[in-house]
Amino acid sequence: MTSSPPLPEAADLELDCRGELCPLPIIRLGRRHTEVPVGGVVAVVADDAAARYDVPAWCRMRGQEYLGEDIADDGLPRYWVRRV
């Protein structure tokens, strides 16, 4: 059994997409991920269930690195993306 590398402790940019329905979290990620340098990390906090599938799919389509998912301080899912 292999383990995933640990998620970053902090993001260079955190997008607060609470209350936004699909496709808004992905639109915001697409517009703003270039604000971080190559190698930088964007965290997307979203309560829309579709984000669990949309963020990794966006990364595959756009050639970015999906790092995984954890839970934000308020209990909502947080998705981690490294800019490539």
PDB file of N, CA and C in Angstrom:
ATOM      1  N   MET A   1       0.843  -1.185   0.000  1.00  0.00           N
ATOM      2  CA  MET A   1       0.000   0.000   0.000  1.00  0.00           C
ATOM      3  C   MET A   1       0.882   1.240   0.000  1.00  0.00           C
ATOM      4  N   THR A   2       0.609   2.162  -0.929  1.00  0.00           N
ATOM      5  CA  THR A   2       1.378   3.399  -0.993  1.00  0.00           C
ATOM      6  C   THR A   2       0.586   4.510  -0.334  1.00  0.00           C
ATOM      7  N   SER A   3       1.307   5.440   0.236  1.00  0.00           N
ATOM      8  CA  SER A   3       0.630   6.573   0.873  1.00  0.00           C
ATOM      9  C   SER A   3       0.824   7.810   0.018  1.00  0.00           C
ATOM     10  N   SER A   4      -0.134   8.697   0.079  1.00  0.00           N
ATOM     11  CA  SER A   4      -0.054   9.953  -0.654  1.00  0.00           C
ATOM     12  C   SER A   4       0.895  10.886   0.067  1.00  0.00           C
ATOM     13  N   PRO A   5       1.585  11.747  -0.689  1.00  0.00           N
ATOM     14  CA  PRO A   5       2.419  12.735  -0.014  1.00  0.00           C
ATOM     15  C   PRO A   5       1.546  13.664   0.821  1.00  0.00           C
ATOM     16  N   PRO A   6       2.090  14.219   1.866  1.00  0.00           N
ATOM     17  CA  PRO A   6       1.274  15.113   2.708  1.00  0.00           C
ATOM     18  C   PRO A   6       0.852  16.364   1.936  1.00  0.00           C
ATOM     19  N   LEU A   7      -0.299  16.876   2.280  1.00  0.00           N
ATOM     20  CA  LEU A   7      -0.780  18.114   1.669  1.00  0.00           C
ATOM     21  C   LEU A   7      -0.011  19.296   2.247  1.00  0.00           C
ATOM     22  N   PRO A   8       0.058  20.391   1.511  1.00  0.00           N
ATOM     23  CA  PRO A   8       0.741  21.579   2.036  1.00  0.00           C
ATOM     24  C   PRO A   8       0.082  22.072   3.320  1.00  0.00           C
ATOM     25  N   GLU A   9       0.846  22.770   4.117  1.00  0.00           N
ATOM     26  CA  GLU A   9       0.293  23.350   5.347  1.00  0.00           C
ATOM     27  C   GLU A   9      -0.430  24.663   5.078  1.00  0.00           C
ATOM     28  N   ALA A  10      -0.062  25.316   3.988  1.00  0.00           N
ATOM     29  CA  ALA A  10      -0.679  26.596   3.652  1.00  0.00           C
ATOM     30  C   ALA A  10      -0.722  26.745   2.136  1.00  0.00           C
ATOM     31  N   ALA A  11      -1.645  27.561   1.683  1.00  0.00           N
ATOM     32  CA  ALA A  11      -1.784  27.843   0.263  1.00  0.00           C
ATOM     33  C   ALA A  11      -1.229  29.234  -0.039  1.00  0.00           C
ATOM     34  N   ASP A  12      -0.726  29.397  -1.241  1.00  0.00           N
ATOM     35  CA  ASP A  12      -0.336  30.727  -1.700  1.00  0.00           C
ATOM     36  C   ASP A  12      -1.573  31.577  -1.978  1.00  0.00           C
ATOM     37  N   LEU A  13      -2.664  30.898  -2.341  1.00  0.00           N
ATOM     38  CA  LEU A  13      -3.934  31.560  -2.609  1.00  0.00           C
ATOM     39  C   LEU A  13      -5.047  30.610  -2.203  1.00  0.00           C
ATOM     40  N   GLU A  14      -5.992  31.094  -1.390  1.00  0.00           N
ATOM     41  CA  GLU A  14      -7.158  30.285  -1.040  1.00  0.00           C
ATOM     42  C   GLU A  14      -8.393  30.942  -1.620  1.00  0.00           C
ATOM     43  N   LEU A  15      -9.131  30.177  -2.407  1.00  0.00           N
ATOM     44  CA  LEU A  15     -10.376  30.667  -2.998  1.00  0.00           C
ATOM     45  C   LEU A  15     -11.542  30.231  -2.140  1.00  0.00           C
ATOM     46  N   ASP A  16     -12.301  31.190  -1.673  1.00  0.00           N
ATOM     47  CA  ASP A  16     -13.483  30.919  -0.857  1.00  0.00           C
ATOM     48  C   ASP A  16     -14.689  30.806  -1.784  1.00  0.00           C
ATOM     49  N   CYS A  17     -15.069  29.584  -2.092  1.00  0.00           N
ATOM     50  CA  CYS A  17     -16.187  29.335  -3.005  1.00  0.00           C
ATOM     51  C   CYS A  17     -17.405  28.798  -2.263  1.00  0.00           C
ATOM     52  N   ARG A  18     -17.486  29.066  -0.974  1.00  0.00           N
ATOM     53  CA  ARG A  18     -18.634  28.642  -0.182  1.00  0.00           C
ATOM     54  C   ARG A  18     -19.903  29.264  -0.759  1.00  0.00           C
ATOM     55  N   GLY A  19     -20.931  28.428  -0.928  1.00  0.00           N
ATOM     56  CA  GLY A  19     -22.203  28.913  -1.427  1.00  0.00           C
ATOM     57  C   GLY A  19     -22.271  29.067  -2.933  1.00  0.00           C
ATOM     58  N   GLU A  20     -21.188  28.780  -3.646  1.00  0.00           N
ATOM     59  CA  GLU A  20     -21.186  28.903  -5.103  1.00  0.00           C
ATOM     60  C   GLU A  20     -21.441  27.535  -5.723  1.00  0.00           C
ATOM     61  N   LEU A  21     -22.376  27.479  -6.657  1.00  0.00           N
ATOM     62  CA  LEU A  21     -22.699  26.232  -7.329  1.00  0.00           C
ATOM     63  C   LEU A  21     -21.885  26.084  -8.607  1.00  0.00           C
ATOM     64  N   CYS A  22     -21.761  24.850  -9.057  1.00  0.00           N
ATOM     65  CA  CYS A  22     -21.083  24.515 -10.297  1.00  0.00           C
ATOM     66  C   CYS A  22     -21.687  25.343 -11.425  1.00  0.00           C
ATOM     67  N   PRO A  23     -20.878  25.950 -12.239  1.00  0.00           N
ATOM     68  CA  PRO A  23     -19.440  25.814 -12.437  1.00  0.00           C
ATOM     69  C   PRO A  23     -18.617  26.933 -11.809  1.00  0.00           C
ATOM     70  N   LEU A  24     -19.203  27.751 -10.936  1.00  0.00           N
ATOM     71  CA  LEU A  24     -18.498  28.927 -10.413  1.00  0.00           C
ATOM     72  C   LEU A  24     -17.163  28.626  -9.733  1.00  0.00           C
ATOM     73  N   PRO A  25     -17.040  27.593  -8.872  1.00  0.00           N
ATOM     74  CA  PRO A  25     -15.718  27.343  -8.277  1.00  0.00           C
ATOM     75  C   PRO A  25     -14.631  27.071  -9.323  1.00  0.00           C
ATOM     76  N   ILE A  26     -14.967  26.351 -10.393  1.00  0.00           N
ATOM     77  CA  ILE A  26     -13.983  26.044 -11.429  1.00  0.00           C
ATOM     78  C   ILE A  26     -13.668  27.285 -12.257  1.00  0.00           C
ATOM     79  N   ILE A  27     -14.648  28.095 -12.514  1.00  0.00           N
ATOM     80  CA  ILE A  27     -14.401  29.351 -13.239  1.00  0.00           C
ATOM     81  C   ILE A  27     -13.444  30.219 -12.447  1.00  0.00           C
ATOM     82  N   ARG A  28     -13.674  30.337 -11.137  1.00  0.00           N
ATOM     83  CA  ARG A  28     -12.776  31.155 -10.301  1.00  0.00           C
ATOM     84  C   ARG A  28     -11.371  30.572 -10.268  1.00  0.00           C
ATOM     85  N   LEU A  29     -11.271  29.237 -10.140  1.00  0.00           N
ATOM     86  CA  LEU A  29      -9.953  28.602 -10.159  1.00  0.00           C
ATOM     87  C   LEU A  29      -9.243  28.892 -11.479  1.00  0.00           C
ATOM     88  N   GLY A  30      -9.940  28.746 -12.589  1.00  0.00           N
ATOM     89  CA  GLY A  30      -9.345  28.995 -13.893  1.00  0.00           C
ATOM     90  C   GLY A  30      -8.881  30.428 -14.082  1.00  0.00           C
ATOM     91  N   ARG A  31      -9.627  31.365 -13.547  1.00  0.00           N
ATOM     92  CA  ARG A  31      -9.275  32.782 -13.689  1.00  0.00           C
ATOM     93  C   ARG A  31      -8.133  33.209 -12.769  1.00  0.00           C
ATOM     94  N   ARG A  32      -8.025  32.555 -11.605  1.00  0.00           N
ATOM     95  CA  ARG A  32      -7.120  33.085 -10.585  1.00  0.00           C
ATOM     96  C   ARG A  32      -5.871  32.259 -10.320  1.00  0.00           C
ATOM     97  N   HIS A  33      -5.781  31.040 -10.838  1.00  0.00           N
ATOM     98  CA  HIS A  33      -4.623  30.201 -10.518  1.00  0.00           C
ATOM     99  C   HIS A  33      -3.305  30.808 -10.991  1.00  0.00           C
ATOM    100  N   THR A  34      -3.358  31.661 -12.007  1.00  0.00           N
ATOM    101  CA  THR A  34      -2.115  32.281 -12.491  1.00  0.00           C
ATOM    102  C   THR A  34      -1.603  33.390 -11.567  1.00  0.00           C
ATOM    103  N   GLU A  35      -2.352  33.707 -10.526  1.00  0.00           N
ATOM    104  CA  GLU A  35      -1.878  34.691  -9.543  1.00  0.00           C
ATOM    105  C   GLU A  35      -0.769  34.131  -8.673  1.00  0.00           C
ATOM    106  N   VAL A  36      -0.616  32.813  -8.641  1.00  0.00           N
ATOM    107  CA  VAL A  36       0.468  32.211  -7.868  1.00  0.00           C
ATOM    108  C   VAL A  36       1.577  31.825  -8.838  1.00  0.00           C
ATOM    109  N   PRO A  37       2.823  31.804  -8.375  1.00  0.00           N
ATOM    110  CA  PRO A  37       3.919  31.430  -9.263  1.00  0.00           C
ATOM    111  C   PRO A  37       3.867  29.940  -9.602  1.00  0.00           C
ATOM    112  N   VAL A  38       4.553  29.559 -10.671  1.00  0.00           N
ATOM    113  CA  VAL A  38       4.675  28.138 -10.990  1.00  0.00           C
ATOM    114  C   VAL A  38       5.265  27.438  -9.772  1.00  0.00           C
ATOM    115  N   GLY A  39       4.657  26.338  -9.376  1.00  0.00           N
ATOM    116  CA  GLY A  39       5.043  25.633  -8.160  1.00  0.00           C
ATOM    117  C   GLY A  39       4.237  26.059  -6.949  1.00  0.00           C
ATOM    118  N   GLY A  40       3.509  27.170  -7.081  1.00  0.00           N
ATOM    119  CA  GLY A  40       2.664  27.654  -5.998  1.00  0.00           C
ATOM    120  C   GLY A  40       1.407  26.816  -5.866  1.00  0.00           C
ATOM    121  N   VAL A  41       0.735  26.999  -4.736  1.00  0.00           N
ATOM    122  CA  VAL A  41      -0.422  26.165  -4.410  1.00  0.00           C
ATOM    123  C   VAL A  41      -1.666  27.024  -4.223  1.00  0.00           C
ATOM    124  N   VAL A  42      -2.762  26.541  -4.817  1.00  0.00           N
ATOM    125  CA  VAL A  42      -4.073  27.164  -4.661  1.00  0.00           C
ATOM    126  C   VAL A  42      -4.954  26.175  -3.901  1.00  0.00           C
ATOM    127  N   ALA A  43      -5.665  26.666  -2.907  1.00  0.00           N
ATOM    128  CA  ALA A  43      -6.659  25.864  -2.197  1.00  0.00           C
ATOM    129  C   ALA A  43      -8.039  26.405  -2.554  1.00  0.00           C
ATOM    130  N   VAL A  44      -8.952  25.505  -2.838  1.00  0.00           N
ATOM    131  CA  VAL A  44     -10.323  25.874  -3.168  1.00  0.00           C
ATOM    132  C   VAL A  44     -11.228  25.289  -2.089  1.00  0.00           C
ATOM    133  N   VAL A  45     -11.899  26.144  -1.340  1.00  0.00           N
ATOM    134  CA  VAL A  45     -12.859  25.698  -0.331  1.00  0.00           C
ATOM    135  C   VAL A  45     -14.240  25.849  -0.948  1.00  0.00           C
ATOM    136  N   ALA A  46     -14.947  24.713  -1.070  1.00  0.00           N
ATOM    137  CA  ALA A  46     -16.243  24.745  -1.740  1.00  0.00           C
ATOM    138  C   ALA A  46     -17.196  23.760  -1.074  1.00  0.00           C
ATOM    139  N   ASP A  47     -18.448  24.173  -0.929  1.00  0.00           N
ATOM    140  CA  ASP A  47     -19.454  23.271  -0.379  1.00  0.00           C
ATOM    141  C   ASP A  47     -20.318  22.634  -1.470  1.00  0.00           C
ATOM    142  N   ASP A  48     -20.047  22.943  -2.727  1.00  0.00           N
ATOM    143  CA  ASP A  48     -20.752  22.310  -3.835  1.00  0.00           C
ATOM    144  C   ASP A  48     -20.176  20.911  -4.047  1.00  0.00           C
ATOM    145  N   ALA A  49     -21.026  19.899  -3.995  1.00  0.00           N
ATOM    146  CA  ALA A  49     -20.568  18.511  -4.099  1.00  0.00           C
ATOM    147  C   ALA A  49     -19.852  18.223  -5.416  1.00  0.00           C
ATOM    148  N   ALA A  50     -20.181  18.944  -6.467  1.00  0.00           N
ATOM    149  CA  ALA A  50     -19.554  18.711  -7.767  1.00  0.00           C
ATOM    150  C   ALA A  50     -18.064  19.073  -7.762  1.00  0.00           C
ATOM    151  N   ALA A  51     -17.640  19.945  -6.861  1.00  0.00           N
ATOM    152  CA  ALA A  51     -16.236  20.350  -6.820  1.00  0.00           C
ATOM    153  C   ALA A  51     -15.309  19.160  -6.572  1.00  0.00           C
ATOM    154  N   ARG A  52     -15.770  18.152  -5.864  1.00  0.00           N
ATOM    155  CA  ARG A  52     -14.961  16.956  -5.592  1.00  0.00           C
ATOM    156  C   ARG A  52     -14.508  16.287  -6.899  1.00  0.00           C
ATOM    157  N   TYR A  53     -15.320  16.382  -7.931  1.00  0.00           N
ATOM    158  CA  TYR A  53     -14.997  15.796  -9.234  1.00  0.00           C
ATOM    159  C   TYR A  53     -14.455  16.845 -10.202  1.00  0.00           C
ATOM    160  N   ASP A  54     -14.971  18.060 -10.095  1.00  0.00           N
ATOM    161  CA  ASP A  54     -14.612  19.106 -11.049  1.00  0.00           C
ATOM    162  C   ASP A  54     -13.171  19.592 -10.890  1.00  0.00           C
ATOM    163  N   VAL A  55     -12.693  19.748  -9.653  1.00  0.00           N
ATOM    164  CA  VAL A  55     -11.338  20.263  -9.462  1.00  0.00           C
ATOM    165  C   VAL A  55     -10.293  19.289 -10.026  1.00  0.00           C
ATOM    166  N   PRO A  56     -10.343  17.989  -9.691  1.00  0.00           N
ATOM    167  CA  PRO A  56      -9.367  17.074 -10.307  1.00  0.00           C
ATOM    168  C   PRO A  56      -9.491  17.009 -11.832  1.00  0.00           C
ATOM    169  N   ALA A  57     -10.723  17.062 -12.350  1.00  0.00           N
ATOM    170  CA  ALA A  57     -10.919  17.024 -13.800  1.00  0.00           C
ATOM    171  C   ALA A  57     -10.331  18.274 -14.452  1.00  0.00           C
ATOM    172  N   TRP A  58     -10.526  19.424 -13.842  1.00  0.00           N
ATOM    173  CA  TRP A  58      -9.957  20.667 -14.364  1.00  0.00           C
ATOM    174  C   TRP A  58      -8.439  20.564 -14.398  1.00  0.00           C
ATOM    175  N   CYS A  59      -7.852  20.015 -13.341  1.00  0.00           N
ATOM    176  CA  CYS A  59      -6.388  19.861 -13.297  1.00  0.00           C
ATOM    177  C   CYS A  59      -5.896  18.980 -14.449  1.00  0.00           C
ATOM    178  N   ARG A  60      -6.571  17.867 -14.685  1.00  0.00           N
ATOM    179  CA  ARG A  60      -6.181  16.981 -15.799  1.00  0.00           C
ATOM    180  C   ARG A  60      -6.294  17.705 -17.132  1.00  0.00           C
ATOM    181  N   MET A  61      -7.367  18.440 -17.338  1.00  0.00           N
ATOM    182  CA  MET A  61      -7.585  19.120 -18.617  1.00  0.00           C
ATOM    183  C   MET A  61      -6.624  20.289 -18.825  1.00  0.00           C
ATOM    184  N   ARG A  62      -6.221  20.929 -17.746  1.00  0.00           N
ATOM    185  CA  ARG A  62      -5.371  22.127 -17.841  1.00  0.00           C
ATOM    186  C   ARG A  62      -3.897  21.858 -17.528  1.00  0.00           C
ATOM    187  N   GLY A  63      -3.550  20.602 -17.281  1.00  0.00           N
ATOM    188  CA  GLY A  63      -2.154  20.260 -17.033  1.00  0.00           C
ATOM    189  C   GLY A  63      -1.627  20.756 -15.700  1.00  0.00           C
ATOM    190  N   GLN A  64      -2.507  20.888 -14.716  1.00  0.00           N
ATOM    191  CA  GLN A  64      -2.101  21.304 -13.375  1.00  0.00           C
ATOM    192  C   GLN A  64      -2.070  20.077 -12.479  1.00  0.00           C
ATOM    193  N   GLU A  65      -1.422  20.184 -11.322  1.00  0.00           N
ATOM    194  CA  GLU A  65      -1.268  19.037 -10.426  1.00  0.00           C
ATOM    195  C   GLU A  65      -2.302  19.082  -9.305  1.00  0.00           C
ATOM    196  N   TYR A  66      -3.172  18.089  -9.279  1.00  0.00           N
ATOM    197  CA  TYR A  66      -4.144  17.969  -8.194  1.00  0.00           C
ATOM    198  C   TYR A  66      -3.447  17.278  -7.031  1.00  0.00           C
ATOM    199  N   LEU A  67      -3.410  17.934  -5.884  1.00  0.00           N
ATOM    200  CA  LEU A  67      -2.695  17.405  -4.723  1.00  0.00           C
ATOM    201  C   LEU A  67      -3.581  16.606  -3.787  1.00  0.00           C
ATOM    202  N   GLY A  68      -4.879  16.851  -3.807  1.00  0.00           N
ATOM    203  CA  GLY A  68      -5.769  16.110  -2.929  1.00  0.00           C
ATOM    204  C   GLY A  68      -6.770  17.002  -2.233  1.00  0.00           C
ATOM    205  N   GLU A  69      -7.422  16.409  -1.256  1.00  0.00           N
ATOM    206  CA  GLU A  69      -8.524  17.051  -0.547  1.00  0.00           C
ATOM    207  C   GLU A  69      -8.335  16.869   0.953  1.00  0.00           C
ATOM    208  N   ASP A  70      -8.707  17.879   1.701  1.00  0.00           N
ATOM    209  CA  ASP A  70      -8.786  17.749   3.150  1.00  0.00           C
ATOM    210  C   ASP A  70      -9.982  18.565   3.618  1.00  0.00           C
ATOM    211  N   ILE A  71     -10.022  18.882   4.886  1.00  0.00           N
ATOM    212  CA  ILE A  71     -11.143  19.607   5.473  1.00  0.00           C
ATOM    213  C   ILE A  71     -10.648  20.959   5.992  1.00  0.00           C
ATOM    214  N   ALA A  72     -11.324  22.017   5.597  1.00  0.00           N
ATOM    215  CA  ALA A  72     -11.008  23.357   6.088  1.00  0.00           C
ATOM    216  C   ALA A  72     -11.442  23.478   7.552  1.00  0.00           C
ATOM    217  N   ASP A  73     -11.033  24.557   8.190  1.00  0.00           N
ATOM    218  CA  ASP A  73     -11.334  24.762   9.609  1.00  0.00           C
ATOM    219  C   ASP A  73     -12.827  24.737   9.921  1.00  0.00           C
ATOM    220  N   ASP A  74     -13.657  25.127   8.963  1.00  0.00           N
ATOM    221  CA  ASP A  74     -15.104  25.148   9.209  1.00  0.00           C
ATOM    222  C   ASP A  74     -15.791  23.838   8.825  1.00  0.00           C
ATOM    223  N   GLY A  75     -15.002  22.822   8.482  1.00  0.00           N
ATOM    224  CA  GLY A  75     -15.555  21.509   8.186  1.00  0.00           C
ATOM    225  C   GLY A  75     -15.912  21.268   6.733  1.00  0.00           C
ATOM    226  N   LEU A  76     -15.711  22.254   5.880  1.00  0.00           N
ATOM    227  CA  LEU A  76     -16.015  22.087   4.459  1.00  0.00           C
ATOM    228  C   LEU A  76     -14.809  21.511   3.713  1.00  0.00           C
ATOM    229  N   PRO A  77     -15.058  20.861   2.585  1.00  0.00           N
ATOM    230  CA  PRO A  77     -13.952  20.310   1.804  1.00  0.00           C
ATOM    231  C   PRO A  77     -13.055  21.409   1.232  1.00  0.00           C
ATOM    232  N   ARG A  78     -11.758  21.105   1.214  1.00  0.00           N
ATOM    233  CA  ARG A  78     -10.759  22.000   0.628  1.00  0.00           C
ATOM    234  C   ARG A  78      -9.942  21.177  -0.360  1.00  0.00           C
ATOM    235  N   TYR A  79      -9.801  21.687  -1.580  1.00  0.00           N
ATOM    236  CA  TYR A  79      -9.113  20.987  -2.655  1.00  0.00           C
ATOM    237  C   TYR A  79      -7.820  21.734  -2.983  1.00  0.00           C
ATOM    238  N   TRP A  80      -6.741  20.983  -3.131  1.00  0.00           N
ATOM    239  CA  TRP A  80      -5.409  21.559  -3.294  1.00  0.00           C
ATOM    240  C   TRP A  80      -4.895  21.347  -4.717  1.00  0.00           C
ATOM    241  N   VAL A  81      -4.379  22.431  -5.313  1.00  0.00           N
ATOM    242  CA  VAL A  81      -3.871  22.408  -6.685  1.00  0.00           C
ATOM    243  C   VAL A  81      -2.504  23.082  -6.712  1.00  0.00           C
ATOM    244  N   ARG A  82      -1.525  22.416  -7.352  1.00  0.00           N
ATOM    245  CA  ARG A  82      -0.210  23.042  -7.554  1.00  0.00           C
ATOM    246  C   ARG A  82      -0.144  23.539  -8.986  1.00  0.00           C
ATOM    247  N   ARG A  83       0.259  24.795  -9.162  1.00  0.00           N
ATOM    248  CA  ARG A  83       0.410  25.358 -10.499  1.00  0.00           C
ATOM    249  C   ARG A  83       1.650  24.788 -11.157  1.00  0.00           C
ATOM    250  N   VAL A  84       1.465  24.315 -12.365  1.00  0.00           N
ATOM    251  CA  VAL A  84       2.566  23.711 -13.129  1.00  0.00           C
ATOM    252  C   VAL A  84       2.959  24.644 -14.245  1.00  0.00           C
TER     253      VAL A  84
END
